Protein backbone atom coordinates (compact mmCIF):
# COMPACT_ATOMS: atom_id res chain seq x y z
CA MET A 1 23.04 -14.79 16.31
CA THR A 2 25.70 -13.53 14.00
CA THR A 3 26.69 -17.30 12.47
CA SER A 4 22.90 -18.16 12.42
CA SER A 5 21.91 -15.17 10.55
CA PHE A 6 25.37 -15.42 8.27
CA ILE A 7 24.43 -18.98 7.32
CA SER A 8 20.59 -18.50 6.82
CA PHE A 9 21.77 -15.50 4.27
CA ILE A 10 23.96 -17.73 2.39
CA LEU A 11 21.33 -20.40 2.06
CA ILE A 12 18.39 -17.84 0.99
CA GLN A 13 21.11 -16.59 -1.53
CA LEU A 14 21.65 -19.94 -2.93
CA GLY A 15 17.80 -20.33 -3.50
CA TRP A 16 17.42 -17.02 -5.10
CA ILE A 17 20.34 -18.02 -7.54
CA THR A 18 18.85 -21.22 -8.38
CA GLY A 19 15.47 -19.50 -8.95
CA ILE A 20 13.72 -21.57 -5.85
CA LEU A 21 13.04 -18.61 -4.00
CA ASN A 22 11.66 -15.34 -5.55
CA ASN A 23 9.05 -13.99 -3.14
CA ALA A 24 9.52 -10.18 -2.43
CA TYR A 25 8.72 -11.16 1.30
CA ILE A 26 11.55 -13.74 1.80
CA GLY A 27 13.88 -11.02 -0.37
CA LEU A 28 12.77 -8.19 2.39
CA ILE A 29 13.61 -10.64 5.48
CA THR A 30 17.23 -11.78 3.80
CA TYR A 31 18.29 -8.36 3.06
CA LEU A 32 16.95 -6.40 5.85
CA MET A 33 16.55 -8.73 8.91
CA PHE A 34 19.32 -10.99 8.49
CA PRO A 35 21.88 -8.20 8.20
CA SER A 36 20.43 -6.61 11.10
CA LEU A 37 20.89 -9.62 13.25
CA PHE A 38 24.15 -9.87 11.86
CA ILE A 39 25.25 -6.50 13.01
CA LEU A 40 23.12 -6.85 16.22
CA GLY A 41 25.23 -10.16 16.97
CA LEU A 42 28.46 -8.57 16.15
CA ILE A 43 27.50 -5.48 18.80
CA LEU A 44 26.46 -7.76 21.53
CA ILE A 45 29.76 -9.85 21.10
CA PRO A 46 31.78 -6.97 23.05
CA ALA A 47 28.77 -6.14 24.77
CA GLY A 48 28.83 -9.64 26.38
CA TRP A 49 32.41 -9.56 27.19
CA PHE A 50 32.15 -6.43 29.18
CA LEU A 51 29.17 -7.85 31.22
CA TYR A 52 31.03 -11.05 31.96
CA ARG A 53 34.21 -9.40 33.16
CA ARG A 54 32.08 -7.29 35.26
CA THR A 55 30.29 -10.45 36.53
CA THR A 56 33.52 -12.26 37.21
CA GLY A 57 35.62 -9.25 38.63
CA LYS A 58 38.36 -10.23 36.45
CA THR A 59 40.64 -8.13 34.00
CA THR A 60 40.46 -8.63 30.28
CA ASN A 61 44.27 -10.05 30.42
CA GLU A 62 43.17 -12.49 33.07
CA LEU A 63 40.31 -13.50 31.04
CA LEU A 64 42.42 -13.87 27.96
CA ASN A 65 44.72 -15.77 29.80
CA GLU A 66 42.27 -18.34 30.65
CA ARG A 67 40.88 -18.41 27.23
CA PHE A 68 43.89 -18.51 25.29
CA ASP A 69 47.40 -19.99 25.75
CA PRO A 70 49.20 -17.05 27.27
CA LYS A 71 52.38 -17.96 25.33
CA ASP A 72 50.59 -17.31 22.04
CA LEU A 73 49.31 -14.14 23.18
CA LYS A 74 52.91 -12.65 24.73
CA THR A 75 54.22 -13.50 21.32
CA GLU A 76 54.48 -11.25 18.45
CA ILE A 77 50.72 -10.33 18.61
CA PHE A 78 50.81 -9.82 14.61
CA GLY A 79 52.04 -13.29 14.09
CA SER A 80 49.87 -15.14 16.89
CA SER A 81 47.14 -17.45 15.86
CA THR A 82 44.72 -15.64 17.83
CA PHE A 83 45.20 -12.49 15.93
CA LEU A 84 45.40 -14.29 12.77
CA MET A 85 42.08 -15.72 13.31
CA ILE A 86 40.44 -12.41 14.67
CA LEU A 87 41.72 -10.75 11.28
CA PHE A 88 40.20 -13.68 9.39
CA LEU A 89 36.83 -13.45 11.07
CA THR A 90 36.59 -9.50 10.46
CA SER A 91 37.80 -9.99 6.98
CA ILE A 92 34.61 -12.11 6.82
CA ASN A 93 32.66 -9.86 8.43
CA ILE A 94 33.46 -7.00 6.28
CA LEU A 95 32.86 -9.17 2.88
CA PHE A 96 29.74 -10.26 4.03
CA MET A 97 28.38 -6.76 5.17
CA GLY A 98 29.57 -5.49 1.84
CA GLY A 99 28.00 -7.96 -0.33
CA ALA A 100 24.89 -7.94 1.62
CA SER A 101 24.77 -4.07 1.36
CA ILE A 102 25.08 -4.36 -2.64
CA ARG A 103 22.86 -7.26 -2.99
CA MET A 104 20.30 -5.56 -0.85
CA LEU A 105 20.35 -1.91 -3.06
CA HIS A 106 20.16 -4.06 -5.99
CA PHE A 107 17.21 -6.10 -4.58
CA MET A 108 15.47 -3.00 -3.54
CA ASP A 109 15.89 -1.37 -7.04
CA GLN A 110 13.59 -3.87 -8.58
CA PRO A 111 10.16 -3.01 -9.35
CA ARG A 112 8.87 -6.16 -7.99
CA PHE A 113 10.43 -5.04 -4.58
CA CYS A 114 8.82 -1.72 -4.85
CA GLY A 115 5.26 -3.00 -5.56
CA THR A 116 4.92 -6.29 -3.63
CA ALA A 117 6.97 -6.10 -0.66
CA CYS A 118 3.95 -3.49 0.78
CA HIS A 119 1.29 -5.36 -0.87
CA SER A 120 -1.70 -3.80 0.90
CA VAL A 121 -0.41 -0.16 0.28
CA MET A 122 1.19 -0.47 -3.14
CA ASN A 123 -0.81 -2.77 -5.06
CA PRO A 124 -2.74 -0.29 -6.82
CA GLU A 125 0.14 1.45 -8.16
CA TRP A 126 1.68 -2.23 -9.03
CA THR A 127 -1.20 -2.80 -10.61
CA THR A 128 -1.26 0.18 -12.94
CA TYR A 129 2.70 0.03 -13.34
CA ASN A 130 2.34 -3.53 -14.94
CA VAL A 131 0.20 -2.22 -17.87
CA SER A 132 1.80 1.15 -18.28
CA PRO A 133 3.55 2.76 -21.28
CA HIS A 134 6.74 2.88 -18.60
CA ALA A 135 6.40 -1.12 -17.51
CA ARG A 136 10.12 -1.92 -18.46
CA VAL A 137 11.36 1.30 -16.96
CA LYS A 138 12.50 0.60 -13.28
CA CYS A 139 10.74 2.70 -10.40
CA VAL A 140 13.60 3.89 -9.21
CA GLN A 141 14.66 5.54 -12.42
CA CYS A 142 12.05 8.13 -12.09
CA HIS A 143 11.11 7.90 -8.29
CA VAL A 144 14.78 7.99 -7.25
CA GLY A 145 17.20 9.32 -9.89
CA GLU A 146 20.78 9.36 -10.37
CA GLY A 147 23.71 10.04 -8.05
CA PHE A 148 24.40 9.37 -4.22
CA HIS A 149 22.55 12.38 -3.01
CA ALA A 150 19.44 11.07 -4.47
CA LEU A 151 20.17 7.27 -3.37
CA LEU A 152 20.65 9.00 0.36
CA ASN A 153 17.26 10.73 0.09
CA SER A 154 15.32 8.01 -1.29
CA LYS A 155 16.78 5.53 1.43
CA ILE A 156 15.78 8.18 4.33
CA ASN A 157 12.36 8.65 2.57
CA GLY A 158 12.05 4.73 2.77
CA MET A 159 12.57 4.64 6.38
CA TRP A 160 9.74 6.84 7.15
CA GLN A 161 7.74 4.94 4.82
CA MET A 162 8.31 1.76 6.72
CA VAL A 163 7.21 3.48 9.85
CA SER A 164 4.20 5.08 8.45
CA ILE A 165 3.06 1.58 7.00
CA THR A 166 3.87 -0.15 10.08
CA PHE A 167 1.70 2.34 12.44
CA SER A 168 -0.61 3.20 9.56
CA LEU A 169 0.33 6.69 9.23
CA TYR A 170 -0.15 7.24 5.65
CA GLU A 171 -3.20 8.75 3.83
CA LYS A 172 -5.55 6.84 1.70
CA PRO A 173 -5.25 7.27 -1.37
CA ILE A 174 -1.82 7.97 -1.20
CA PRO A 175 -1.14 11.68 -2.53
CA THR A 176 0.79 11.92 -5.90
CA PRO A 177 4.64 12.59 -4.69
CA ILE A 178 4.82 16.14 -6.19
CA HIS A 179 7.76 17.36 -4.08
CA GLN A 180 9.59 14.11 -3.50
CA LEU A 181 9.78 13.32 -7.52
CA ARG A 182 13.44 14.19 -8.89
CA PRO A 183 13.33 17.19 -11.55
CA ALA A 184 12.13 16.17 -15.26
CA ARG A 185 15.29 17.08 -16.60
CA GLU A 186 17.00 14.30 -14.76
CA THR A 187 14.30 11.49 -15.08
CA CYS A 188 11.90 11.82 -18.31
CA GLU A 189 14.50 13.97 -20.42
CA LYS A 190 16.80 10.56 -20.35
CA CYS A 191 14.81 9.27 -22.81
CA HIS A 192 12.56 11.96 -23.92
CA TRP A 193 14.47 14.77 -25.88
CA PRO A 194 12.59 18.25 -25.96
CA GLU A 195 14.67 19.57 -28.43
CA LYS A 196 13.23 16.70 -31.12
CA PHE A 197 9.76 17.71 -29.89
CA TYR A 198 8.93 19.47 -33.39
CA GLY A 199 6.11 19.71 -36.25
CA ASN A 200 2.80 18.28 -35.71
CA ARG A 201 1.15 14.63 -34.49
CA LEU A 202 -2.24 13.24 -36.07
CA LYS A 203 -4.44 11.93 -33.22
CA THR A 204 -7.69 10.38 -33.77
CA ILE A 205 -9.76 9.53 -30.69
CA LEU A 206 -12.42 7.06 -30.77
CA HIS A 207 -15.51 7.06 -28.21
CA TYR A 208 -18.67 5.17 -28.56
CA SER A 209 -22.26 6.40 -28.21
CA ASN A 210 -24.69 4.86 -25.73
CA ASP A 211 -27.15 4.01 -28.21
CA TYR A 212 -28.46 0.65 -29.42
CA PHE A 213 -25.56 0.23 -31.75
CA SER A 214 -23.04 1.80 -29.57
CA VAL A 215 -22.10 4.01 -32.81
CA PRO A 216 -18.39 5.07 -33.04
CA VAL A 217 -17.60 8.66 -32.93
CA TYR A 218 -14.52 9.97 -33.94
CA THR A 219 -12.46 13.25 -33.00
CA THR A 220 -9.34 13.97 -35.14
CA LEU A 221 -6.92 16.30 -33.91
CA ASN A 222 -3.70 17.99 -35.19
CA LEU A 223 -1.61 18.56 -32.18
CA LYS A 224 0.90 21.04 -32.48
CA ILE A 225 3.73 19.64 -30.46
CA ASP A 226 6.81 22.20 -31.02
CA THR A 227 8.73 23.02 -28.16
CA GLU A 228 10.49 26.39 -29.28
CA LYS A 229 8.94 29.29 -30.61
CA ALA A 230 9.89 29.65 -34.43
CA ALA A 231 8.56 31.34 -37.44
CA GLN A 232 5.78 32.41 -35.25
CA LYS A 233 4.73 29.18 -34.60
CA SER A 234 4.80 27.42 -31.04
CA GLY A 235 3.17 23.87 -29.76
CA ILE A 236 2.34 22.22 -26.66
CA HIS A 237 5.84 21.62 -25.58
CA TRP A 238 6.66 25.29 -25.83
CA HIS A 239 6.21 25.13 -21.69
CA ILE A 240 9.38 23.37 -21.35
CA GLY A 241 11.65 25.06 -24.23
CA LYS A 242 15.09 25.93 -22.77
CA GLU A 243 14.26 29.61 -23.49
CA ASN A 244 10.93 29.59 -21.75
CA GLU A 245 10.27 29.33 -18.14
CA VAL A 246 6.75 28.89 -16.46
CA ARG A 247 6.40 28.95 -12.75
CA TYR A 248 3.18 28.83 -10.79
CA THR A 249 1.76 28.27 -7.56
CA SER A 250 -1.60 26.58 -6.51
CA ALA A 251 -3.87 26.45 -3.52
CA ASP A 252 -3.27 23.36 -1.12
CA ASP A 253 -0.32 22.12 -3.68
CA LYS A 254 -2.51 19.82 -5.62
CA ARG A 255 -1.89 21.90 -8.78
CA LYS A 256 -5.45 21.98 -9.48
CA LYS A 257 -6.20 25.66 -8.22
CA ILE A 258 -4.22 27.90 -9.80
CA ILE A 259 -3.11 31.26 -7.68
CA TRP A 260 -1.09 33.12 -10.17
CA VAL A 261 1.12 31.93 -13.33
CA GLU A 262 4.47 33.95 -14.24
CA SER A 263 5.95 33.62 -17.88
CA LYS A 264 9.16 34.56 -18.82
CA LYS A 265 9.56 37.21 -21.39
CA PRO A 266 12.40 37.67 -24.07
CA ASP A 267 14.06 40.38 -21.98
CA GLY A 268 14.34 38.12 -19.02
CA THR A 269 11.40 39.93 -16.92
CA PHE A 270 8.36 37.89 -15.98
CA ILE A 271 4.71 38.68 -16.71
CA ARG A 272 2.22 37.34 -13.64
CA TYR A 273 -1.06 36.66 -14.48
CA ASN A 274 -3.38 36.59 -11.03
CA ASN A 275 -6.51 34.42 -10.70
CA ILE A 276 -9.02 37.28 -9.95
CA TYR A 277 -10.70 35.02 -7.30
CA THR A 278 -7.60 33.62 -5.30
CA PHE A 279 -4.84 35.69 -5.75
CA LYS A 280 -5.54 37.96 -2.74
CA ASN A 281 -4.87 34.83 -0.57
CA ASP A 282 -1.43 34.57 -1.64
CA THR A 283 -0.85 33.01 2.08
CA GLU A 284 -2.32 29.82 0.67
CA ALA A 285 0.84 29.44 -1.51
CA LYS A 286 3.35 27.27 0.33
CA TYR A 287 5.20 26.22 -2.90
CA VAL A 288 6.31 28.00 -6.05
CA ARG A 289 6.97 25.45 -8.90
CA THR A 290 8.66 25.74 -12.07
CA MET A 291 6.70 23.90 -14.98
CA ASP A 292 8.01 20.63 -16.34
CA CYS A 293 6.92 17.68 -17.91
CA VAL A 294 4.73 15.97 -14.94
CA ASP A 295 2.67 19.05 -14.64
CA CYS A 296 0.82 17.78 -17.53
CA HIS A 297 1.87 14.17 -17.77
CA ASN A 298 1.35 13.68 -14.24
CA ARG A 299 -0.16 9.96 -14.73
CA ALA A 300 2.71 9.11 -16.96
CA THR A 301 2.93 5.54 -15.47
CA HIS A 302 0.40 5.08 -12.64
CA ILE A 303 -2.62 5.52 -15.14
CA TYR A 304 -5.75 5.24 -13.48
CA GLU A 305 -8.54 5.34 -16.32
CA ASN A 306 -12.11 7.09 -16.19
CA PRO A 307 -14.73 4.22 -17.28
CA GLU A 308 -15.83 5.92 -20.38
CA SER A 309 -12.42 5.59 -21.78
CA ALA A 310 -11.42 2.30 -20.52
CA LEU A 311 -14.51 1.10 -21.80
CA ASP A 312 -14.05 2.87 -25.20
CA LYS A 313 -10.62 1.19 -25.45
CA SER A 314 -11.83 -1.99 -24.75
CA ILE A 315 -14.72 -1.81 -27.54
CA HIS A 316 -12.16 -0.91 -30.14
CA ARG A 317 -9.57 -3.42 -29.35
CA GLY A 318 -12.72 -6.17 -29.87
CA LEU A 319 -12.84 -7.27 -26.12
CA ILE A 320 -16.43 -6.20 -26.11
CA ASP A 321 -18.77 -7.46 -28.36
CA ARG A 322 -20.56 -4.32 -30.13
CA SER A 323 -23.17 -6.43 -31.33
CA LEU A 324 -24.64 -6.53 -28.39
CA PRO A 325 -27.68 -3.82 -27.97
CA TYR A 326 -26.87 -1.18 -25.58
CA ILE A 327 -23.48 -2.86 -24.39
CA ARG A 328 -21.75 0.40 -24.06
CA ARG A 329 -24.51 2.22 -22.06
CA GLU A 330 -25.17 -0.86 -19.82
CA SER A 331 -21.47 -1.40 -19.24
CA LEU A 332 -21.01 2.09 -18.25
CA THR A 333 -23.83 1.77 -15.70
CA ALA A 334 -22.43 -1.71 -14.21
CA LEU A 335 -18.92 -0.26 -13.89
CA THR A 336 -19.95 2.95 -12.22
CA ARG A 337 -22.19 1.49 -9.46
CA ASP A 338 -20.97 1.81 -5.66
CA TYR A 339 -19.82 -1.86 -4.75
CA SER A 340 -18.28 -2.63 -1.39
CA GLY A 341 -15.24 -4.68 -2.85
CA SER A 342 -13.81 -6.35 -5.81
CA GLU A 343 -15.54 -9.75 -5.43
CA TYR A 344 -18.73 -8.40 -4.89
CA ALA A 345 -18.31 -5.97 -7.90
CA VAL A 346 -17.68 -8.86 -10.24
CA LYS A 347 -20.53 -10.88 -8.91
CA GLU A 348 -23.09 -7.61 -9.53
CA ILE A 349 -21.52 -6.82 -12.78
CA SER A 350 -22.56 -10.19 -14.02
CA ASN A 351 -26.03 -9.91 -12.42
CA HIS A 352 -26.64 -6.52 -14.00
CA LEU A 353 -25.57 -7.59 -17.60
CA HIS A 354 -27.16 -11.00 -17.81
CA GLY A 355 -30.34 -9.51 -15.88
CA PHE A 356 -30.76 -6.69 -18.69
CA TYR A 357 -30.43 -8.99 -21.62
CA SER A 358 -32.72 -11.77 -20.21
CA ARG A 359 -35.33 -9.21 -19.53
CA ASN A 360 -35.00 -7.03 -22.76
CA PHE A 361 -33.60 -9.66 -25.11
CA PRO A 362 -34.31 -13.05 -23.99
CA ASP A 363 -33.51 -14.97 -27.06
CA LEU A 364 -30.29 -12.98 -27.42
CA SER A 365 -29.12 -13.80 -23.96
CA LYS A 366 -29.37 -17.36 -24.76
CA SER A 367 -27.66 -17.28 -28.12
CA LYS A 368 -25.16 -14.91 -26.74
CA PHE A 369 -24.48 -15.88 -23.26
CA GLU A 370 -20.64 -16.48 -23.69
CA SER A 371 -20.08 -12.85 -25.24
CA ILE A 372 -21.98 -11.64 -22.64
CA ASN A 373 -19.89 -13.73 -20.16
CA GLU A 374 -16.62 -12.40 -21.66
CA VAL A 375 -17.69 -8.82 -21.48
CA VAL A 376 -18.08 -9.59 -17.58
CA LYS A 377 -14.57 -10.62 -17.48
CA VAL A 378 -13.31 -7.65 -19.22
CA LEU A 379 -15.49 -5.10 -17.08
CA SER A 380 -14.42 -6.99 -14.13
CA ASN A 381 -10.58 -6.41 -15.09
CA ILE A 382 -11.13 -2.66 -15.70
CA TYR A 383 -12.84 -2.50 -12.49
CA LYS A 384 -9.97 -4.32 -10.36
CA LYS A 385 -7.26 -2.32 -12.28
CA ASN A 386 -9.15 1.36 -11.27
CA ILE A 387 -10.85 0.97 -8.04
CA HIS A 388 -9.09 -0.41 -4.68
CA PRO A 389 -11.63 0.03 -1.97
CA GLN A 390 -8.69 -0.72 0.84
CA MET A 391 -6.86 2.65 -0.39
CA ASN A 392 -10.29 4.51 -0.87
CA ILE A 393 -9.24 4.65 -4.92
CA THR A 394 -12.22 5.15 -6.99
CA TRP A 395 -13.20 6.70 -10.26
CA GLY A 396 -11.29 10.23 -10.38
CA SER A 397 -9.08 9.73 -7.55
CA TYR A 398 -6.15 10.40 -9.41
CA PRO A 399 -7.27 12.69 -12.38
CA SER A 400 -5.06 13.04 -15.22
CA PHE A 401 -4.23 16.70 -16.55
CA ILE A 402 -3.69 15.73 -20.14
CA GLY A 403 -6.56 17.53 -22.28
CA HIS A 404 -8.86 19.46 -20.61
CA LYS A 405 -12.01 17.76 -19.35
CA ASN A 406 -13.87 19.12 -16.41
CA ASP A 407 -11.86 22.56 -16.39
CA SER A 408 -8.56 20.49 -15.48
CA GLY A 409 -5.58 19.67 -17.27
CA CYS A 410 -4.72 22.94 -19.78
CA PHE A 411 -7.62 25.05 -18.46
CA ARG A 412 -6.11 25.40 -15.27
CA CYS A 413 -3.89 28.17 -16.70
CA HIS A 414 -5.58 28.72 -19.69
CA ASN A 415 -8.74 30.45 -18.74
CA GLU A 416 -10.61 33.83 -18.49
CA ASN A 417 -9.78 34.37 -14.71
CA LEU A 418 -6.22 34.50 -14.95
CA ILE A 419 -5.28 38.17 -15.91
CA ASP A 420 -2.25 40.19 -16.12
CA ARG A 421 -1.72 44.07 -14.91
CA TYR A 422 -3.19 45.15 -18.50
CA GLY A 423 -6.16 42.78 -18.48
CA GLN A 424 -4.88 40.26 -20.83
CA THR A 425 -5.67 36.61 -20.26
CA ILE A 426 -3.31 33.77 -21.09
CA PRO A 427 -4.75 32.80 -24.44
CA TYR A 428 -7.15 29.75 -24.35
CA ASP A 429 -8.36 29.25 -27.75
CA CYS A 430 -8.91 25.86 -29.12
CA THR A 431 -6.60 26.07 -31.82
CA LEU A 432 -3.43 27.42 -29.78
CA CYS A 433 -2.45 23.63 -29.31
CA HIS A 434 -4.40 21.74 -31.94
CA SER A 435 -6.37 22.06 -35.30
CA ILE A 436 -9.70 20.00 -35.00
CA LEU A 437 -10.22 18.16 -37.96
CA ALA A 438 -13.27 16.13 -36.67
CA ASN A 439 -15.23 16.76 -33.55
CA GLY A 440 -17.28 14.00 -32.25
CA ASP A 441 -18.17 12.84 -35.63
CA SER A 442 -19.78 9.36 -36.41
CA ASP A 443 -19.44 10.00 -40.34
CA PRO A 444 -15.99 11.08 -40.81
CA LEU A 445 -16.05 9.61 -44.52
CA LYS A 446 -18.72 12.46 -45.41
CA TYR A 447 -16.12 14.38 -46.41
CA LEU A 448 -15.00 12.26 -48.99
CA LYS A 449 -17.56 14.02 -51.32
CA GLN A 450 -16.80 16.33 -54.23
CA PRO A 451 -15.31 19.54 -52.53
CA SER A 452 -17.70 22.51 -53.10
CA GLU A 453 -16.91 25.99 -52.48
CA SER A 454 -20.58 26.19 -51.06
CA ASP A 455 -20.00 23.51 -48.62
CA PRO A 456 -19.17 24.71 -45.03
CA ASP A 457 -16.69 21.82 -45.15
CA TYR A 458 -14.97 22.88 -47.85
CA PRO A 459 -11.50 24.34 -46.20
CA MET A 460 -11.13 20.94 -44.43
CA GLN A 461 -11.62 19.01 -47.79
CA LEU A 462 -8.80 20.87 -48.97
CA PHE A 463 -7.05 20.59 -46.21
CA LEU A 464 -7.17 16.73 -45.62
CA GLY A 465 -7.71 15.22 -49.48
CA ASN A 466 -10.12 12.68 -49.99
CA GLU A 467 -7.38 9.60 -50.02
CA PHE A 468 -5.84 10.75 -46.61
CA LEU A 469 -9.05 10.71 -44.90
CA LYS A 470 -9.93 7.38 -46.10
CA SER A 471 -6.91 5.95 -45.34
CA LEU A 472 -7.28 7.49 -41.95
CA TYR A 473 -10.67 6.15 -40.75
CA GLU A 474 -11.01 2.68 -42.65
């Protein structure tokens, strides 16, 4: 067993080096099964010797004299050929296990292992990871962190994951690993430097309407991204400034229903804002969390889109032909229907779009047949990326806390229900985090007209300037 696992390991290593073998399942067998069999074989050797001694009724010395030259055994033990052979084989064992362990750790650090070794469970995360802003960042850099303690914890957690997968003990969908993640200061801030989050950032969000022409509408925000509070100015990243500390607790630990929030004051004390509807049930709070990056950027890598945003992005990139009448509305309808599986979804999305245009625009359905097929491909890819029936993942299973849709995100804490002992609420004014320069506006270039003091848009015209607006939207 020891010899065969050793030879098999070496042969597969040659396959990895030459590029003949690169499958994650083969790697799993190579770095987990063969070393395990190797160790098991080493254990069985003395166990077998012990059983053999009991079966024969002979002593170890008698058996050794039968197997080896007695003269060799009685001479200087450290110079005997038997000792040298044992020393040589032991050295080979140590080198093999050391090399195998290093290769195993290296293999298990690769994103391909994380995403494909347990394909049925991790396929949704692997799919979203490959098209994320952090697709070139290794999984272990966020999920494990640095240091021996972090490595040890991850391997212990990994063993439990293997057991849970083997016996189907995991939840569907898999919960966001709130407590298992390393602190953001040890992961996110290795690349993102809070002290450099200063000034403003201009962001234009483009949506499309569901009318005949799928008209684009613009929302332009001047985001205040400062970290620290200086000169009476503070921004979104104030929450993670070194001199600030915000801690909170939430019901059922999903960070959506906030029970209370505490904010550190300049004198070092904390002021608490209690939720008037839930703060009496403090027994629900099992975990108090200090706010960091992932409390807002909770889907920084494994990003599951909502259907509206995914469609708007595809239309903006020219992947969906906007000249097709009602294309945004019909695409949204096709995407959000309940399908039993991905293959069935692709078929039904095609049937819906081709059926709609053949019934309502028969001539166009023929002339734009290929364009409609391209839309079907785009919608199918959107669906396969975001919907995974085998893991009970559908639209909204993993909401993002960026922004404030459906009372989520910022509005979890910034609302009228969280009140301190003086009756003051956490501020929730729109301009706290951003200035609104355009809000769902289908004609942002209207500000290019000559400024007039009688015009309600006069302050914005002065603030932006015609040339700036023109370059922004054209």
